[in-house]
Amino acid sequence: MHCMNLRILLVGGALVACAACATNTEWAAWKAHPAHFASEDHFEFSMRNRAAPPLLQSPADLELAGAQGWWGGPFEDGPLVNVAGHWTGMWVGVGVYWSPFSSRAEADFTQQGRRGEGRLVLADTLTMDVPPILTIEGLHGVPVVLEVSGARLVVKHRVDGRHLTGEFTVDGDRMVGRLHDSSARLVLVRQR
């Protein structure tokens, strides 16, 4: 009996954890499609891009996406936002003993269509809950690649996205986002 209760608890916890990972828009898209992938080509494209810092797409992928009705990715998004420029602002997070903390943040981005590159700097990270690469690189900054999808921006470490990945929402000259695997939240404003 005790083992059965443990199984129910584990399955219930897994369901709650999975439910928390999707937005309402993502749930609606998944409910509207009977399968996770539109075709074998869609599956191959997703597997090829599951860990790549920049999206690996070709003109043939774009043609297949339109012909086969792929969903759940950059092929459905509206116009791309422009993120090129120098951004400054603040980051907030927690430090030693989970005490709240905030400090200066900066980013410099260049953009060519959907992709780009740049540098991300967070000041005063020594004892903070941030990806370690930010502390290692310090005020020199972390080299990043970026992927723009509509008004969404994903920033990853240039060599390996496991070192640093961040997601931002861009609204004109303001972006708000978070860094994965940390408590860090950022608010940046483009400098003119």
C-alpha atoms as a PDB file:
ATOM      1  CA  MET A   1       0.000   0.000   0.000  1.00  0.00           C
ATOM      2  CA  HIS A   2       2.844   2.406   0.875  1.00  0.00           C
ATOM      3  CA  CYS A   3       4.490   1.712  -2.513  1.00  0.00           C
ATOM      4  CA  MET A   4       1.230   2.506  -4.354  1.00  0.00           C
ATOM      5  CA  ASN A   5       0.926   5.871  -2.562  1.00  0.00           C
ATOM      6  CA  LEU A   6       4.507   6.691  -3.506  1.00  0.00           C
ATOM      7  CA  ARG A   7       3.792   5.891  -7.192  1.00  0.00           C
ATOM      8  CA  ILE A   8       0.703   8.096  -7.186  1.00  0.00           C
ATOM      9  CA  LEU A   9       2.678  10.915  -5.584  1.00  0.00           C
ATOM     10  CA  LEU A  10       5.496  10.593  -8.132  1.00  0.00           C
ATOM     11  CA  VAL A  11       3.143  10.493 -11.130  1.00  0.00           C
ATOM     12  CA  GLY A  12       1.155  13.444  -9.772  1.00  0.00           C
ATOM     13  CA  GLY A  13       4.338  15.435  -9.174  1.00  0.00           C
ATOM     14  CA  ALA A  14       5.556  14.693 -12.700  1.00  0.00           C
ATOM     15  CA  LEU A  15       2.245  15.873 -14.170  1.00  0.00           C
ATOM     16  CA  VAL A  16       2.339  19.110 -12.184  1.00  0.00           C
ATOM     17  CA  ALA A  17       5.969  19.723 -13.179  1.00  0.00           C
ATOM     18  CA  CYS A  18       5.212  19.157 -16.866  1.00  0.00           C
ATOM     19  CA  ALA A  19       2.143  21.374 -16.755  1.00  0.00           C
ATOM     20  CA  ALA A  20       4.206  24.247 -15.367  1.00  0.00           C
ATOM     21  CA  CYS A  21       6.595  24.167 -18.334  1.00  0.00           C
ATOM     22  CA  ALA A  22       4.144  25.330 -21.007  1.00  0.00           C
ATOM     23  CA  THR A  23       2.378  28.614 -21.583  1.00  0.00           C
ATOM     24  CA  ASN A  24      -1.328  28.855 -22.391  1.00  0.00           C
ATOM     25  CA  THR A  25      -0.441  29.533 -26.027  1.00  0.00           C
ATOM     26  CA  GLU A  26       1.749  26.410 -26.162  1.00  0.00           C
ATOM     27  CA  TRP A  27      -0.997  24.279 -24.598  1.00  0.00           C
ATOM     28  CA  ALA A  28      -3.503  25.571 -27.160  1.00  0.00           C
ATOM     29  CA  ALA A  29      -1.100  24.765 -30.024  1.00  0.00           C
ATOM     30  CA  TRP A  30      -0.497  21.242 -28.687  1.00  0.00           C
ATOM     31  CA  LYS A  31      -4.218  20.581 -28.237  1.00  0.00           C
ATOM     32  CA  ALA A  32      -4.884  21.697 -31.817  1.00  0.00           C
ATOM     33  CA  HIS A  33      -2.520  19.082 -33.300  1.00  0.00           C
ATOM     34  CA  PRO A  34      -3.027  15.295 -33.077  1.00  0.00           C
ATOM     35  CA  ALA A  35       0.733  14.543 -33.145  1.00  0.00           C
ATOM     36  CA  HIS A  36       3.802  16.238 -31.737  1.00  0.00           C
ATOM     37  CA  PHE A  37       5.424  16.618 -35.178  1.00  0.00           C
ATOM     38  CA  ALA A  38       3.770  17.389 -38.520  1.00  0.00           C
ATOM     39  CA  SER A  39       6.039  14.987 -40.426  1.00  0.00           C
ATOM     40  CA  GLU A  40       9.292  13.073 -40.376  1.00  0.00           C
ATOM     41  CA  ASP A  41      11.006  16.180 -41.788  1.00  0.00           C
ATOM     42  CA  HIS A  42       9.622  18.254 -38.883  1.00  0.00           C
ATOM     43  CA  PHE A  43      10.973  15.661 -36.408  1.00  0.00           C
ATOM     44  CA  GLU A  44      14.424  15.669 -38.060  1.00  0.00           C
ATOM     45  CA  PHE A  45      14.546  19.484 -37.999  1.00  0.00           C
ATOM     46  CA  SER A  46      13.645  19.523 -34.285  1.00  0.00           C
ATOM     47  CA  MET A  47      16.263  16.904 -33.399  1.00  0.00           C
ATOM     48  CA  ARG A  48      18.926  18.784 -35.378  1.00  0.00           C
ATOM     49  CA  ASN A  49      18.135  21.976 -33.414  1.00  0.00           C
ATOM     50  CA  ARG A  50      17.460  20.639 -29.924  1.00  0.00           C
ATOM     51  CA  ALA A  51      20.836  21.787 -28.523  1.00  0.00           C
ATOM     52  CA  ALA A  52      22.243  24.081 -31.199  1.00  0.00           C
ATOM     53  CA  PRO A  53      23.054  27.610 -30.008  1.00  0.00           C
ATOM     54  CA  PRO A  54      21.808  29.223 -33.251  1.00  0.00           C
ATOM     55  CA  LEU A  55      18.878  27.719 -35.146  1.00  0.00           C
ATOM     56  CA  LEU A  56      20.173  25.525 -37.969  1.00  0.00           C
ATOM     57  CA  GLN A  57      17.736  26.122 -40.810  1.00  0.00           C
ATOM     58  CA  SER A  58      18.005  26.176 -44.564  1.00  0.00           C
ATOM     59  CA  PRO A  59      15.761  27.515 -47.334  1.00  0.00           C
ATOM     60  CA  ALA A  60      14.629  23.909 -47.850  1.00  0.00           C
ATOM     61  CA  ASP A  61      13.478  23.783 -44.194  1.00  0.00           C
ATOM     62  CA  LEU A  62      11.424  26.951 -44.683  1.00  0.00           C
ATOM     63  CA  GLU A  63       9.824  25.469 -47.803  1.00  0.00           C
ATOM     64  CA  LEU A  64       9.018  22.198 -46.008  1.00  0.00           C
ATOM     65  CA  ALA A  65       7.614  24.078 -43.004  1.00  0.00           C
ATOM     66  CA  GLY A  66       5.155  25.940 -45.205  1.00  0.00           C
ATOM     67  CA  ALA A  67       4.178  22.906 -47.274  1.00  0.00           C
ATOM     68  CA  GLN A  68       3.742  20.550 -44.307  1.00  0.00           C
ATOM     69  CA  GLY A  69       2.271  23.057 -41.818  1.00  0.00           C
ATOM     70  CA  TRP A  70       4.920  22.794 -39.090  1.00  0.00           C
ATOM     71  CA  TRP A  71       4.004  24.323 -35.733  1.00  0.00           C
ATOM     72  CA  GLY A  72       5.687  25.194 -32.458  1.00  0.00           C
ATOM     73  CA  GLY A  73       8.616  27.225 -33.680  1.00  0.00           C
ATOM     74  CA  PRO A  74      10.002  30.163 -35.581  1.00  0.00           C
ATOM     75  CA  PHE A  75       7.946  29.400 -38.687  1.00  0.00           C
ATOM     76  CA  GLU A  76       4.742  30.731 -37.076  1.00  0.00           C
ATOM     77  CA  ASP A  77       6.041  33.975 -35.601  1.00  0.00           C
ATOM     78  CA  GLY A  78       5.269  37.465 -36.818  1.00  0.00           C
ATOM     79  CA  PRO A  79       7.760  40.163 -37.770  1.00  0.00           C
ATOM     80  CA  LEU A  80      11.139  40.113 -36.057  1.00  0.00           C
ATOM     81  CA  VAL A  81      12.074  42.745 -33.512  1.00  0.00           C
ATOM     82  CA  ASN A  82      15.350  44.590 -33.892  1.00  0.00           C
ATOM     83  CA  VAL A  83      17.645  43.948 -30.919  1.00  0.00           C
ATOM     84  CA  ALA A  84      20.842  45.456 -32.323  1.00  0.00           C
ATOM     85  CA  GLY A  85      22.528  48.039 -30.145  1.00  0.00           C
ATOM     86  CA  HIS A  86      23.809  48.769 -26.663  1.00  0.00           C
ATOM     87  CA  TRP A  87      21.442  47.840 -23.805  1.00  0.00           C
ATOM     88  CA  THR A  88      21.835  48.810 -20.141  1.00  0.00           C
ATOM     89  CA  GLY A  89      19.772  48.117 -17.067  1.00  0.00           C
ATOM     90  CA  MET A  90      19.582  46.029 -13.937  1.00  0.00           C
ATOM     91  CA  TRP A  91      19.565  42.417 -12.959  1.00  0.00           C
ATOM     92  CA  VAL A  92      17.960  41.094  -9.788  1.00  0.00           C
ATOM     93  CA  GLY A  93      18.484  37.775  -8.078  1.00  0.00           C
ATOM     94  CA  VAL A  94      19.530  36.217  -4.814  1.00  0.00           C
ATOM     95  CA  GLY A  95      22.872  35.827  -3.145  1.00  0.00           C
ATOM     96  CA  VAL A  96      24.265  34.231  -0.020  1.00  0.00           C
ATOM     97  CA  TYR A  97      21.496  32.883   2.255  1.00  0.00           C
ATOM     98  CA  TRP A  98      18.958  33.724  -0.486  1.00  0.00           C
ATOM     99  CA  SER A  99      19.149  37.430   0.251  1.00  0.00           C
ATOM    100  CA  PRO A 100      17.757  39.673  -2.523  1.00  0.00           C
ATOM    101  CA  PHE A 101      20.304  41.495  -4.644  1.00  0.00           C
ATOM    102  CA  SER A 102      20.415  43.779  -7.692  1.00  0.00           C
ATOM    103  CA  SER A 103      23.166  45.303  -9.790  1.00  0.00           C
ATOM    104  CA  ARG A 104      24.058  46.657 -13.219  1.00  0.00           C
ATOM    105  CA  ALA A 105      23.589  44.678 -16.451  1.00  0.00           C
ATOM    106  CA  GLU A 106      24.697  45.450 -20.017  1.00  0.00           C
ATOM    107  CA  ALA A 107      24.414  43.829 -23.416  1.00  0.00           C
ATOM    108  CA  ASP A 108      25.733  44.633 -26.870  1.00  0.00           C
ATOM    109  CA  PHE A 109      24.046  42.871 -29.782  1.00  0.00           C
ATOM    110  CA  THR A 110      24.402  42.812 -33.553  1.00  0.00           C
ATOM    111  CA  GLN A 111      21.701  41.206 -35.632  1.00  0.00           C
ATOM    112  CA  GLN A 112      21.433  39.798 -39.146  1.00  0.00           C
ATOM    113  CA  GLY A 113      17.819  38.745 -39.694  1.00  0.00           C
ATOM    114  CA  ARG A 114      16.815  36.092 -37.184  1.00  0.00           C
ATOM    115  CA  ARG A 115      20.343  35.538 -35.842  1.00  0.00           C
ATOM    116  CA  GLY A 116      23.006  37.635 -34.216  1.00  0.00           C
ATOM    117  CA  GLU A 117      25.764  37.745 -31.667  1.00  0.00           C
ATOM    118  CA  GLY A 118      27.028  39.919 -28.882  1.00  0.00           C
ATOM    119  CA  ARG A 119      28.170  40.112 -25.295  1.00  0.00           C
ATOM    120  CA  LEU A 120      26.273  39.991 -21.971  1.00  0.00           C
ATOM    121  CA  VAL A 121      27.685  41.495 -18.753  1.00  0.00           C
ATOM    122  CA  LEU A 122      26.305  41.214 -15.221  1.00  0.00           C
ATOM    123  CA  ALA A 123      28.158  43.145 -12.511  1.00  0.00           C
ATOM    124  CA  ASP A 124      28.729  41.916  -8.934  1.00  0.00           C
ATOM    125  CA  THR A 125      28.055  38.195  -9.481  1.00  0.00           C
ATOM    126  CA  LEU A 126      30.691  36.662  -7.178  1.00  0.00           C
ATOM    127  CA  THR A 127      28.390  35.165  -4.509  1.00  0.00           C
ATOM    128  CA  MET A 128      25.172  35.290  -6.515  1.00  0.00           C
ATOM    129  CA  ASP A 129      22.887  32.625  -7.949  1.00  0.00           C
ATOM    130  CA  VAL A 130      23.853  33.119 -11.609  1.00  0.00           C
ATOM    131  CA  PRO A 131      25.407  30.808 -14.212  1.00  0.00           C
ATOM    132  CA  PRO A 132      29.113  30.458 -13.252  1.00  0.00           C
ATOM    133  CA  ILE A 133      30.321  31.622 -16.666  1.00  0.00           C
ATOM    134  CA  LEU A 134      29.100  35.155 -15.806  1.00  0.00           C
ATOM    135  CA  THR A 135      31.370  35.257 -12.758  1.00  0.00           C
ATOM    136  CA  ILE A 136      34.296  33.721 -14.648  1.00  0.00           C
ATOM    137  CA  GLU A 137      34.075  36.242 -17.510  1.00  0.00           C
ATOM    138  CA  GLY A 138      33.359  39.159 -15.140  1.00  0.00           C
ATOM    139  CA  LEU A 139      33.063  42.634 -16.611  1.00  0.00           C
ATOM    140  CA  HIS A 140      34.660  41.406 -19.844  1.00  0.00           C
ATOM    141  CA  GLY A 141      31.297  39.795 -20.591  1.00  0.00           C
ATOM    142  CA  VAL A 142      30.106  36.474 -21.954  1.00  0.00           C
ATOM    143  CA  PRO A 143      30.190  36.055 -25.747  1.00  0.00           C
ATOM    144  CA  VAL A 144      26.722  35.015 -26.912  1.00  0.00           C
ATOM    145  CA  VAL A 145      24.772  34.097 -30.014  1.00  0.00           C
ATOM    146  CA  LEU A 146      21.160  35.091 -30.296  1.00  0.00           C
ATOM    147  CA  GLU A 147      18.009  33.947 -32.017  1.00  0.00           C
ATOM    148  CA  VAL A 148      15.069  36.305 -32.574  1.00  0.00           C
ATOM    149  CA  SER A 149      11.610  34.845 -33.008  1.00  0.00           C
ATOM    150  CA  GLY A 150       8.872  37.470 -33.281  1.00  0.00           C
ATOM    151  CA  ALA A 151       9.186  39.555 -30.103  1.00  0.00           C
ATOM    152  CA  ARG A 152      11.084  36.785 -28.291  1.00  0.00           C
ATOM    153  CA  LEU A 153      14.867  36.703 -27.950  1.00  0.00           C
ATOM    154  CA  VAL A 154      16.925  33.682 -26.880  1.00  0.00           C
ATOM    155  CA  VAL A 155      20.555  34.318 -25.931  1.00  0.00           C
ATOM    156  CA  LYS A 156      23.044  31.447 -25.519  1.00  0.00           C
ATOM    157  CA  HIS A 157      26.734  31.128 -24.772  1.00  0.00           C
ATOM    158  CA  ARG A 158      28.598  31.213 -28.084  1.00  0.00           C
ATOM    159  CA  VAL A 159      30.207  27.795 -27.593  1.00  0.00           C
ATOM    160  CA  ASP A 160      27.718  25.855 -25.466  1.00  0.00           C
ATOM    161  CA  GLY A 161      24.191  26.860 -24.440  1.00  0.00           C
ATOM    162  CA  ARG A 162      24.545  24.789 -21.254  1.00  0.00           C
ATOM    163  CA  HIS A 163      26.899  27.477 -19.877  1.00  0.00           C
ATOM    164  CA  LEU A 164      24.371  30.280 -20.341  1.00  0.00           C
ATOM    165  CA  THR A 165      20.889  30.548 -21.817  1.00  0.00           C
ATOM    166  CA  GLY A 166      18.495  33.436 -21.381  1.00  0.00           C
ATOM    167  CA  GLU A 167      15.035  34.240 -22.699  1.00  0.00           C
ATOM    168  CA  PHE A 168      13.751  37.772 -23.195  1.00  0.00           C
ATOM    169  CA  THR A 169      10.618  39.502 -24.395  1.00  0.00           C
ATOM    170  CA  VAL A 170      11.338  42.655 -26.377  1.00  0.00           C
ATOM    171  CA  ASP A 171       8.961  45.613 -26.496  1.00  0.00           C
ATOM    172  CA  GLY A 172      10.477  48.442 -28.549  1.00  0.00           C
ATOM    173  CA  ASP A 173      13.547  49.694 -26.671  1.00  0.00           C
ATOM    174  CA  ARG A 174      12.891  47.618 -23.544  1.00  0.00           C
ATOM    175  CA  MET A 175      13.536  43.937 -22.893  1.00  0.00           C
ATOM    176  CA  VAL A 176      12.687  41.808 -19.883  1.00  0.00           C
ATOM    177  CA  GLY A 177      13.939  38.294 -19.314  1.00  0.00           C
ATOM    178  CA  ARG A 178      15.522  35.619 -17.195  1.00  0.00           C
ATOM    179  CA  LEU A 179      18.576  33.393 -17.210  1.00  0.00           C
ATOM    180  CA  HIS A 180      17.996  29.644 -17.061  1.00  0.00           C
ATOM    181  CA  ASP A 181      19.276  27.673 -14.069  1.00  0.00           C
ATOM    182  CA  SER A 182      19.466  30.769 -11.876  1.00  0.00           C
ATOM    183  CA  SER A 183      17.366  33.313 -10.024  1.00  0.00           C
ATOM    184  CA  ALA A 184      18.563  36.156 -12.290  1.00  0.00           C
ATOM    185  CA  ARG A 185      15.932  38.387 -13.906  1.00  0.00           C
ATOM    186  CA  LEU A 186      16.963  41.262 -16.185  1.00  0.00           C
ATOM    187  CA  VAL A 187      15.411  44.517 -17.364  1.00  0.00           C
ATOM    188  CA  LEU A 188      17.365  46.260 -20.139  1.00  0.00           C
ATOM    189  CA  VAL A 189      16.765  49.472 -22.098  1.00  0.00           C
ATOM    190  CA  ARG A 190      18.373  50.233 -25.462  1.00  0.00           C
ATOM    191  CA  GLN A 191      20.618  53.293 -25.412  1.00  0.00           C
ATOM    192  CA  ARG A 192      20.168  55.731 -28.307  1.00  0.00           C
END
